C-alpha atoms as a PDB file:
ATOM      1  CA  MET A   1      -0.632  -0.070  -0.004  1.00  0.00           C
ATOM      2  CA  ARG A   2       1.014   3.010  -0.618  1.00  0.00           C
ATOM      3  CA  ASP A   3       2.350   5.740   2.483  1.00  0.00           C
ATOM      4  CA  THR A   4      -0.056   9.347   1.946  1.00  0.00           C
ATOM      5  CA  GLY A   5       0.301  10.671   5.283  1.00  0.00           C
ATOM      6  CA  PRO A   6       2.018  14.352   5.258  1.00  0.00           C
ATOM      7  CA  THR A   7       5.816  13.686   4.255  1.00  0.00           C
ATOM      8  CA  ARG A   8       3.919  12.543   0.972  1.00  0.00           C
ATOM      9  CA  ARG A   9       1.866  15.490  -0.197  1.00  0.00           C
ATOM     10  CA  GLY A  10       4.484  18.002  -1.293  1.00  0.00           C
ATOM     11  CA  ARG A  11       5.561  15.681  -4.420  1.00  0.00           C
ATOM     12  CA  SER A  12       3.531  15.611  -7.181  1.00  0.00           C
ATOM     13  CA  GLY A  13       2.923  11.815  -9.568  1.00  0.00           C
ATOM     14  CA  ALA A  14       1.653  11.097 -12.362  1.00  0.00           C
ATOM     15  CA  ALA A  15      -0.072  14.126 -14.907  1.00  0.00           C
ATOM     16  CA  GLY A  16       1.237  16.638 -11.472  1.00  0.00           C
ATOM     17  CA  ARG A  17      -1.261  15.714  -8.857  1.00  0.00           C
ATOM     18  CA  ALA A  18      -0.019  14.668  -5.410  1.00  0.00           C
ATOM     19  CA  PRO A  19       0.040  10.774  -4.585  1.00  0.00           C
ATOM     20  CA  GLY A  20      -2.765  10.158  -2.843  1.00  0.00           C
ATOM     21  CA  THR A  21      -5.349  11.770  -4.639  1.00  0.00           C
ATOM     22  CA  SER A  22      -7.847  10.857  -6.872  1.00  0.00           C
ATOM     23  CA  ARG A  23      -9.250  12.681 -10.354  1.00  0.00           C
ATOM     24  CA  THR A  24     -11.708  13.349  -8.534  1.00  0.00           C
ATOM     25  CA  GLY A  25     -10.864  13.954  -4.508  1.00  0.00           C
ATOM     26  CA  ALA A  26      -8.500  16.413  -3.756  1.00  0.00           C
ATOM     27  CA  GLY A  27      -6.748  14.344  -0.351  1.00  0.00           C
ATOM     28  CA  ARG A  28      -9.324  11.490   0.248  1.00  0.00           C
ATOM     29  CA  LYS A  29      -7.705   8.209   2.453  1.00  0.00           C
ATOM     30  CA  ARG A  30      -8.879   4.835   0.415  1.00  0.00           C
ATOM     31  CA  ALA A  31      -9.984   2.585   3.477  1.00  0.00           C
ATOM     32  CA  PRO A  32      -7.787  -0.696   3.362  1.00  0.00           C
ATOM     33  CA  THR A  33      -8.962  -3.726   1.210  1.00  0.00           C
ATOM     34  CA  THR A  34      -7.756  -7.387   0.973  1.00  0.00           C
ATOM     35  CA  HIS A  35      -7.538  -7.172  -2.187  1.00  0.00           C
ATOM     36  CA  ARG A  36      -4.527  -6.886  -3.865  1.00  0.00           C
ATOM     37  CA  SER A  37      -3.350  -3.355  -6.150  1.00  0.00           C
ATOM     38  CA  ARG A  38      -1.943  -2.821  -8.847  1.00  0.00           C
ATOM     39  CA  ALA A  39       0.851  -1.396  -7.168  1.00  0.00           C
ATOM     40  CA  ALA A  40       0.626  -4.144  -5.164  1.00  0.00           C
ATOM     41  CA  LEU A  41       2.118  -6.358  -8.777  1.00  0.00           C
ATOM     42  CA  PRO A  42       6.005  -4.802  -9.824  1.00  0.00           C
ATOM     43  CA  ALA A  43       6.713  -5.658  -6.471  1.00  0.00           C
ATOM     44  CA  ARG A  44       4.889  -9.587  -5.959  1.00  0.00           C
ATOM     45  CA  ALA A  45       7.677  -9.837  -9.698  1.00  0.00           C
ATOM     46  CA  GLY A  46      10.418  -8.082  -8.680  1.00  0.00           C
ATOM     47  CA  ALA A  47      10.603 -11.763  -5.631  1.00  0.00           C
ATOM     48  CA  THR A  48       9.871 -14.384  -8.208  1.00  0.00           C
ATOM     49  CA  THR A  49      13.029 -12.824 -10.168  1.00  0.00           C
ATOM     50  CA  ALA A  50      14.656 -12.887  -7.661  1.00  0.00           C
ATOM     51  CA  ALA A  51      13.455 -16.049  -6.320  1.00  0.00           C
ATOM     52  CA  ALA A  52      13.995 -17.489  -9.655  1.00  0.00           C
ATOM     53  CA  ARG A  53      17.961 -16.378  -9.649  1.00  0.00           C
ATOM     54  CA  ARG A  54      17.976 -17.402  -6.463  1.00  0.00           C
ATOM     55  CA  ARG A  55      17.125 -20.954  -8.214  1.00  0.00           C
ATOM     56  CA  ARG A  56      19.245 -20.062 -11.309  1.00  0.00           C
ATOM     57  CA  THR A  57      21.893 -19.571  -9.320  1.00  0.00           C
ATOM     58  CA  THR A  58      21.853 -23.382  -7.578  1.00  0.00           C
ATOM     59  CA  LEU A  59      21.737 -24.637 -10.939  1.00  0.00           C
ATOM     60  CA  THR A  60      24.522 -22.819 -13.035  1.00  0.00           C
ATOM     61  CA  ALA A  61      26.656 -23.688  -9.198  1.00  0.00           C
ATOM     62  CA  ARG A  62      25.095 -27.752  -9.132  1.00  0.00           C
ATOM     63  CA  ALA A  63      25.997 -26.989 -13.511  1.00  0.00           C
ATOM     64  CA  ALA A  64      29.510 -26.443 -11.525  1.00  0.00           C
ATOM     65  CA  VAL A  65      29.991 -28.813  -9.427  1.00  0.00           C
ATOM     66  CA  LEU A  66      28.638 -31.239 -11.701  1.00  0.00           C
ATOM     67  CA  ALA A  67      30.906 -30.346 -14.835  1.00  0.00           C
ATOM     68  CA  VAL A  68      33.899 -30.434 -12.112  1.00  0.00           C
ATOM     69  CA  ALA A  69      32.925 -33.877 -11.404  1.00  0.00           C
ATOM     70  CA  LEU A  70      33.375 -34.805 -15.128  1.00  0.00           C
ATOM     71  CA  ALA A  71      36.665 -32.953 -15.728  1.00  0.00           C
ATOM     72  CA  SER A  72      38.216 -34.955 -13.690  1.00  0.00           C
ATOM     73  CA  VAL A  73      36.151 -38.002 -13.671  1.00  0.00           C
ATOM     74  CA  ALA A  74      37.538 -38.070 -17.983  1.00  0.00           C
ATOM     75  CA  LEU A  75      41.621 -36.544 -16.839  1.00  0.00           C
ATOM     76  CA  ALA A  76      41.765 -39.752 -14.372  1.00  0.00           C
ATOM     77  CA  LEU A  77      40.500 -41.283 -17.252  1.00  0.00           C
ATOM     78  CA  ALA A  78      42.683 -40.019 -20.165  1.00  0.00           C
ATOM     79  CA  LEU A  79      46.297 -41.513 -18.944  1.00  0.00           C
ATOM     80  CA  PRO A  80      44.660 -44.956 -18.643  1.00  0.00           C
ATOM     81  CA  PHE A  81      43.156 -45.224 -21.883  1.00  0.00           C
ATOM     82  CA  LYS A  82      46.463 -43.077 -23.362  1.00  0.00           C
ATOM     83  CA  ILE A  83      48.608 -46.153 -21.834  1.00  0.00           C
ATOM     84  CA  TRP A  84      45.369 -48.950 -23.578  1.00  0.00           C
ATOM     85  CA  LEU A  85      45.838 -47.338 -26.886  1.00  0.00           C
ATOM     86  CA  GLY A  86      49.482 -47.885 -26.899  1.00  0.00           C
ATOM     87  CA  GLN A  87      49.547 -51.153 -26.188  1.00  0.00           C
ATOM     88  CA  ARG A  88      46.258 -52.125 -28.963  1.00  0.00           C
ATOM     89  CA  GLY A  89      49.235 -50.078 -31.555  1.00  0.00           C
ATOM     90  CA  GLU A  90      51.846 -53.147 -29.385  1.00  0.00           C
ATOM     91  CA  ILE A  91      49.925 -55.394 -29.114  1.00  0.00           C
ATOM     92  CA  SER A  92      48.415 -54.973 -33.127  1.00  0.00           C
ATOM     93  CA  ALA A  93      52.116 -54.986 -34.443  1.00  0.00           C
ATOM     94  CA  LEU A  94      53.442 -57.933 -32.739  1.00  0.00           C
ATOM     95  CA  GLN A  95      50.709 -59.984 -33.935  1.00  0.00           C
ATOM     96  CA  ALA A  96      52.291 -58.519 -37.192  1.00  0.00           C
ATOM     97  CA  GLN A  97      55.307 -59.817 -36.667  1.00  0.00           C
ATOM     98  CA  THR A  98      54.460 -62.838 -35.210  1.00  0.00           C
ATOM     99  CA  ARG A  99      52.754 -63.107 -38.527  1.00  0.00           C
ATOM    100  CA  ALA A 100      55.601 -62.834 -40.521  1.00  0.00           C
ATOM    101  CA  GLN A 101      57.970 -64.703 -38.670  1.00  0.00           C
ATOM    102  CA  GLU A 102      55.307 -67.870 -39.436  1.00  0.00           C
ATOM    103  CA  ASN A 103      55.913 -67.108 -42.973  1.00  0.00           C
ATOM    104  CA  HIS A 104      59.344 -66.683 -42.618  1.00  0.00           C
ATOM    105  CA  VAL A 105      60.252 -70.342 -40.361  1.00  0.00           C
ATOM    106  CA  ALA A 106      57.687 -71.728 -43.288  1.00  0.00           C
ATOM    107  CA  ALA A 107      59.852 -70.840 -46.424  1.00  0.00           C
ATOM    108  CA  LEU A 108      63.179 -71.698 -43.937  1.00  0.00           C
ATOM    109  CA  GLN A 109      61.195 -76.032 -43.638  1.00  0.00           C
ATOM    110  CA  HIS A 110      60.229 -76.090 -46.743  1.00  0.00           C
ATOM    111  CA  GLN A 111      63.627 -75.591 -48.393  1.00  0.00           C
ATOM    112  CA  GLN A 112      64.720 -77.598 -45.990  1.00  0.00           C
ATOM    113  CA  GLN A 113      62.094 -80.696 -46.713  1.00  0.00           C
ATOM    114  CA  GLN A 114      64.097 -80.027 -50.693  1.00  0.00           C
ATOM    115  CA  TRP A 115      68.257 -79.330 -49.789  1.00  0.00           C
ATOM    116  CA  GLN A 116      66.418 -83.306 -48.241  1.00  0.00           C
ATOM    117  CA  ASP A 117      66.070 -85.062 -51.780  1.00  0.00           C
ATOM    118  CA  PRO A 118      69.243 -85.669 -53.285  1.00  0.00           C
ATOM    119  CA  ALA A 119      67.831 -84.377 -57.014  1.00  0.00           C
ATOM    120  CA  TYR A 120      67.253 -80.670 -55.887  1.00  0.00           C
ATOM    121  CA  VAL A 121      71.940 -80.829 -54.252  1.00  0.00           C
ATOM    122  CA  GLU A 122      72.290 -82.610 -57.175  1.00  0.00           C
ATOM    123  CA  GLN A 123      71.013 -79.763 -59.411  1.00  0.00           C
ATOM    124  CA  GLN A 124      72.007 -76.905 -56.511  1.00  0.00           C
ATOM    125  CA  ALA A 125      75.323 -78.185 -56.838  1.00  0.00           C
ATOM    126  CA  ARG A 126      75.661 -78.086 -60.499  1.00  0.00           C
ATOM    127  CA  GLU A 127      75.058 -73.936 -60.906  1.00  0.00           C
ATOM    128  CA  ARG A 128      76.838 -72.911 -58.657  1.00  0.00           C
ATOM    129  CA  LEU A 129      79.612 -75.213 -58.413  1.00  0.00           C
ATOM    130  CA  HIS A 130      79.905 -76.070 -61.164  1.00  0.00           C
ATOM    131  CA  TYR A 131      80.042 -79.925 -60.769  1.00  0.00           C
ATOM    132  CA  VAL A 132      80.405 -82.558 -63.389  1.00  0.00           C
ATOM    133  CA  LYS A 133      78.885 -86.317 -63.266  1.00  0.00           C
ATOM    134  CA  PRO A 134      82.833 -88.032 -64.209  1.00  0.00           C
ATOM    135  CA  GLY A 135      82.605 -88.711 -67.944  1.00  0.00           C
ATOM    136  CA  GLU A 136      81.013 -85.380 -68.545  1.00  0.00           C
ATOM    137  CA  LYS A 137      82.771 -82.315 -69.601  1.00  0.00           C
ATOM    138  CA  ALA A 138      82.207 -79.057 -68.603  1.00  0.00           C
ATOM    139  CA  TYR A 139      82.438 -75.830 -70.952  1.00  0.00           C
ATOM    140  CA  ILE A 140      82.994 -72.787 -68.903  1.00  0.00           C
ATOM    141  CA  VAL A 141      82.383 -69.877 -70.735  1.00  0.00           C
ATOM    142  CA  LEU A 142      84.705 -67.150 -69.990  1.00  0.00           C
ATOM    143  CA  SER A 143      83.331 -63.020 -71.327  1.00  0.00           C
ATOM    144  CA  LYS A 144      84.289 -59.424 -71.073  1.00  0.00           C
ATOM    145  CA  PRO A 145      81.103 -58.602 -67.978  1.00  0.00           C
ATOM    146  CA  LYS A 146      79.260 -55.864 -69.249  1.00  0.00           C
ATOM    147  CA  PRO A 147      79.459 -52.165 -67.408  1.00  0.00           C
ATOM    148  CA  LYS A 148      77.147 -51.135 -65.551  1.00  0.00           C
ATOM    149  CA  ALA A 149      74.593 -47.925 -66.758  1.00  0.00           C
ATOM    150  CA  ALA A 150      75.484 -46.118 -63.817  1.00  0.00           C
ATOM    151  CA  ALA A 151      78.887 -46.615 -63.444  1.00  0.00           C
ATOM    152  CA  SER A 152      79.686 -45.393 -67.010  1.00  0.00           C
ATOM    153  CA  ALA A 153      77.818 -42.511 -66.391  1.00  0.00           C
ATOM    154  CA  LYS A 154      79.853 -41.062 -64.087  1.00  0.00           C
ATOM    155  CA  THR A 155      83.199 -40.294 -64.567  1.00  0.00           C
ATOM    156  CA  PRO A 156      85.157 -40.497 -61.524  1.00  0.00           C
ATOM    157  CA  VAL A 157      86.186 -36.838 -60.131  1.00  0.00           C
ATOM    158  CA  THR A 158      90.001 -36.788 -58.672  1.00  0.00           C
ATOM    159  CA  VAL A 159      90.465 -34.316 -56.358  1.00  0.00           C
ATOM    160  CA  PRO A 160      93.908 -32.826 -56.160  1.00  0.00           C
ATOM    161  CA  ALA A 161      95.489 -33.475 -52.544  1.00  0.00           C
ATOM    162  CA  LEU A 162      94.814 -31.334 -50.179  1.00  0.00           C
ATOM    163  CA  GLN A 163      97.947 -29.381 -48.371  1.00  0.00           C
ATOM    164  CA  GLY A 164      98.675 -26.764 -46.498  1.00  0.00           C
ATOM    165  CA  PRO A 165      97.647 -25.264 -42.725  1.00  0.00           C
ATOM    166  CA  TRP A 166      94.357 -25.733 -41.939  1.00  0.00           C
ATOM    167  CA  TYR A 167      92.637 -22.216 -43.266  1.00  0.00           C
ATOM    168  CA  SER A 168      94.599 -22.484 -46.544  1.00  0.00           C
ATOM    169  CA  ARG A 169      93.854 -25.890 -47.194  1.00  0.00           C
ATOM    170  CA  LEU A 170      89.656 -25.193 -46.227  1.00  0.00           C
ATOM    171  CA  TRP A 171      90.368 -22.105 -49.575  1.00  0.00           C
ATOM    172  CA  GLN A 172      90.794 -25.325 -51.557  1.00  0.00           C
ATOM    173  CA  THR A 173      87.698 -26.431 -50.320  1.00  0.00           C
ATOM    174  CA  VAL A 174      85.919 -23.355 -51.091  1.00  0.00           C
ATOM    175  CA  GLN A 175      87.533 -22.731 -54.897  1.00  0.00           C
ATOM    176  CA  LEU A 176      87.364 -26.497 -55.712  1.00  0.00           C
ATOM    177  CA  ALA A 177      83.807 -26.742 -54.245  1.00  0.00           C
ATOM    178  CA  GLY A 178      82.615 -23.248 -56.428  1.00  0.00           C
ATOM    179  CA  SER A 179      84.386 -25.308 -59.666  1.00  0.00           C
ATOM    180  CA  SER A 180      82.436 -27.111 -62.063  1.00  0.00           C
ATOM    181  CA  THR A 181      83.686 -30.964 -63.195  1.00  0.00           C
ATOM    182  CA  LYS A 182      81.128 -30.394 -65.967  1.00  0.00           C
END
């Protein structure tokens, strides 16, 4: 309710009227009523907004605590998860290495079985060691080795022997680097 006492009479309200005066009456006081006036609505709305603000801050505080808890759980699980992923990578690498070793062992066992065959041993002795049976004649053709293409393209570069003190040898290397060999 509004105060219409003598302290407020000197002030003017909306539209030039003094507070507590009505349009028709000059200074009539109203009787107290049990229902709330329109002036009470903003105060009531302010009370609800304060409660809503308290609820929002409570929810914000709860959300912050929840976020901190989730972040700490995530940090606590990050290192073991990283270790687990590393171990999974090591396991897959070791499994691949095991498969490669098993293939190599299988190839060696096959080669061992071949060497158990006397016909294979004889064939290898003829090819690798040039063995012949008694009464056979072996011919070996000797020819010039064919030059490699990479070796014929490059000509060997002769580097003169460096002489003198270290600064003289350093200058000689600079001069050699700058000169073209073409």
